[in-house]
C-alpha atoms as a PDB file:
ATOM      1  CA  UNK A   1      16.946  34.801 -55.334  1.00  0.00           C
ATOM      2  CA  UNK A   2      19.609  37.467 -55.639  1.00  0.00           C
ATOM      3  CA  UNK A   3      20.678  38.042 -59.179  1.00  0.00           C
ATOM      4  CA  UNK A   4      17.297  37.424 -60.776  1.00  0.00           C
ATOM      5  CA  UNK A   5      16.366  41.039 -60.879  1.00  0.00           C
ATOM      6  CA  UNK A   6      15.001  42.345 -64.117  1.00  0.00           C
ATOM      7  CA  UNK A   7      13.132  45.323 -65.507  1.00  0.00           C
ATOM      8  CA  UNK A   8       9.730  43.783 -65.220  1.00  0.00           C
ATOM      9  CA  UNK A   9      10.061  43.415 -61.474  1.00  0.00           C
ATOM     10  CA  UNK A  10      11.125  47.034 -61.085  1.00  0.00           C
ATOM     11  CA  UNK A  11       8.208  48.191 -63.261  1.00  0.00           C
ATOM     12  CA  UNK A  12       5.666  46.207 -61.360  1.00  0.00           C
ATOM     13  CA  UNK A  13       7.060  47.477 -57.982  1.00  0.00           C
ATOM     14  CA  UNK A  14       7.024  51.082 -59.243  1.00  0.00           C
ATOM     15  CA  UNK A  15       3.417  50.718 -60.517  1.00  0.00           C
ATOM     16  CA  UNK A  16       2.379  49.211 -57.198  1.00  0.00           C
ATOM     17  CA  UNK A  17       4.112  52.124 -55.401  1.00  0.00           C
ATOM     18  CA  UNK A  18       2.228  54.674 -57.502  1.00  0.00           C
ATOM     19  CA  UNK A  19      -1.086  53.034 -56.915  1.00  0.00           C
ATOM     20  CA  UNK A  20      -0.605  52.512 -53.159  1.00  0.00           C
ATOM     21  CA  UNK A  21       0.834  56.090 -52.754  1.00  0.00           C
ATOM     22  CA  UNK A  22      -2.096  57.527 -54.607  1.00  0.00           C
ATOM     23  CA  UNK A  23      -4.562  55.567 -52.476  1.00  0.00           C
ATOM     24  CA  UNK A  24      -2.819  56.602 -49.274  1.00  0.00           C
ATOM     25  CA  UNK A  25      -2.712  60.232 -50.451  1.00  0.00           C
ATOM     26  CA  UNK A  26      -6.440  60.222 -51.157  1.00  0.00           C
ATOM     27  CA  UNK A  27      -7.263  58.642 -47.847  1.00  0.00           C
ATOM     28  CA  UNK A  28      -4.999  61.169 -46.014  1.00  0.00           C
ATOM     29  CA  UNK A  29      -6.503  64.212 -47.728  1.00  0.00           C
ATOM     30  CA  UNK A  30      -9.211  64.516 -45.037  1.00  0.00           C
ATOM     31  CA  UNK A  31      -6.774  64.207 -42.098  1.00  0.00           C
ATOM     32  CA  UNK A  32      -5.537  67.692 -41.103  1.00  0.00           C
ATOM     33  CA  UNK A  33      -1.952  66.700 -40.301  1.00  0.00           C
ATOM     34  CA  UNK A  34      -1.491  64.488 -43.376  1.00  0.00           C
ATOM     35  CA  UNK A  35      -3.333  66.456 -46.083  1.00  0.00           C
ATOM     36  CA  UNK A  36       0.053  67.494 -47.597  1.00  0.00           C
ATOM     37  CA  UNK A  37       0.433  63.896 -48.813  1.00  0.00           C
ATOM     38  CA  UNK A  38      -2.323  64.491 -51.421  1.00  0.00           C
ATOM     39  CA  UNK A  39      -0.621  67.679 -52.749  1.00  0.00           C
ATOM     40  CA  UNK A  40       0.312  67.272 -56.342  1.00  0.00           C
ATOM     41  CA  UNK A  41      -0.125  68.099 -59.989  1.00  0.00           C
ATOM     42  CA  UNK A  42      -2.521  66.680 -62.584  1.00  0.00           C
ATOM     43  CA  UNK A  43      -1.651  66.702 -66.286  1.00  0.00           C
ATOM     44  CA  UNK A  44      -2.926  65.025 -69.413  1.00  0.00           C
ATOM     45  CA  UNK A  45      -5.855  65.337 -71.755  1.00  0.00           C
ATOM     46  CA  UNK A  46      -8.771  67.032 -70.055  1.00  0.00           C
ATOM     47  CA  UNK A  47     -11.041  66.493 -73.058  1.00  0.00           C
ATOM     48  CA  UNK A  48     -10.721  63.041 -74.578  1.00  0.00           C
ATOM     49  CA  UNK A  49     -10.022  62.686 -78.306  1.00  0.00           C
ATOM     50  CA  UNK A  50     -12.927  60.833 -80.024  1.00  0.00           C
ATOM     51  CA  UNK A  51     -12.304  59.073 -83.331  1.00  0.00           C
ATOM     52  CA  UNK A  52     -15.645  58.008 -84.915  1.00  0.00           C
ATOM     53  CA  UNK A  53     -15.377  55.612 -87.875  1.00  0.00           C
ATOM     54  CA  UNK A  54     -19.013  54.893 -88.277  1.00  0.00           C
ATOM     55  CA  UNK A  55     -19.297  51.357 -86.793  1.00  0.00           C
ATOM     56  CA  UNK A  56     -16.434  51.840 -84.361  1.00  0.00           C
ATOM     57  CA  UNK A  57     -15.885  54.838 -82.042  1.00  0.00           C
ATOM     58  CA  UNK A  58     -12.480  55.088 -80.242  1.00  0.00           C
ATOM     59  CA  UNK A  59     -11.953  57.382 -77.345  1.00  0.00           C
ATOM     60  CA  UNK A  60      -8.461  58.367 -76.292  1.00  0.00           C
ATOM     61  CA  UNK A  61      -7.815  60.061 -73.003  1.00  0.00           C
ATOM     62  CA  UNK A  62      -5.272  59.996 -70.205  1.00  0.00           C
ATOM     63  CA  UNK A  63      -4.839  61.961 -67.040  1.00  0.00           C
ATOM     64  CA  UNK A  64      -2.054  61.406 -64.513  1.00  0.00           C
ATOM     65  CA  UNK A  65      -2.015  62.901 -60.971  1.00  0.00           C
ATOM     66  CA  UNK A  66       1.394  62.876 -59.278  1.00  0.00           C
ATOM     67  CA  UNK A  67       1.216  63.469 -55.516  1.00  0.00           C
ATOM     68  CA  UNK A  68       3.720  63.549 -52.654  1.00  0.00           C
ATOM     69  CA  UNK A  69       2.405  60.152 -51.508  1.00  0.00           C
ATOM     70  CA  UNK A  70       2.954  58.709 -55.057  1.00  0.00           C
ATOM     71  CA  UNK A  71       6.554  59.946 -55.075  1.00  0.00           C
ATOM     72  CA  UNK A  72       7.119  58.326 -51.630  1.00  0.00           C
ATOM     73  CA  UNK A  73       5.595  55.133 -52.986  1.00  0.00           C
ATOM     74  CA  UNK A  74       7.932  55.137 -55.971  1.00  0.00           C
ATOM     75  CA  UNK A  75      10.987  55.770 -53.738  1.00  0.00           C
ATOM     76  CA  UNK A  76       9.874  52.880 -51.395  1.00  0.00           C
ATOM     77  CA  UNK A  77       9.367  50.557 -54.455  1.00  0.00           C
ATOM     78  CA  UNK A  78      12.901  51.309 -55.646  1.00  0.00           C
ATOM     79  CA  UNK A  79      14.296  50.647 -52.220  1.00  0.00           C
ATOM     80  CA  UNK A  80      12.470  47.306 -52.013  1.00  0.00           C
ATOM     81  CA  UNK A  81      13.734  46.406 -55.513  1.00  0.00           C
ATOM     82  CA  UNK A  82      17.324  47.076 -54.436  1.00  0.00           C
ATOM     83  CA  UNK A  83      16.701  45.063 -51.187  1.00  0.00           C
ATOM     84  CA  UNK A  84      15.433  41.924 -52.963  1.00  0.00           C
END
């Protein structure tokens, strides 16, 4: 299986690391010794942009929260990618 690495595999692993890291950070926010995992920064559009065209209404909005646990998840995903 070595040698079949591609960008899609890395992208999927990094996305999985972000999601799992965010989940673990949220779960650890109530634990006193692990609350630092949920420390992070949120950025994006706080108020979504609405485009009304009569029949169709499109709403654009995006918010990203980067936490310590998400960063750890990304690092682990990259290490797993290099290992496979």
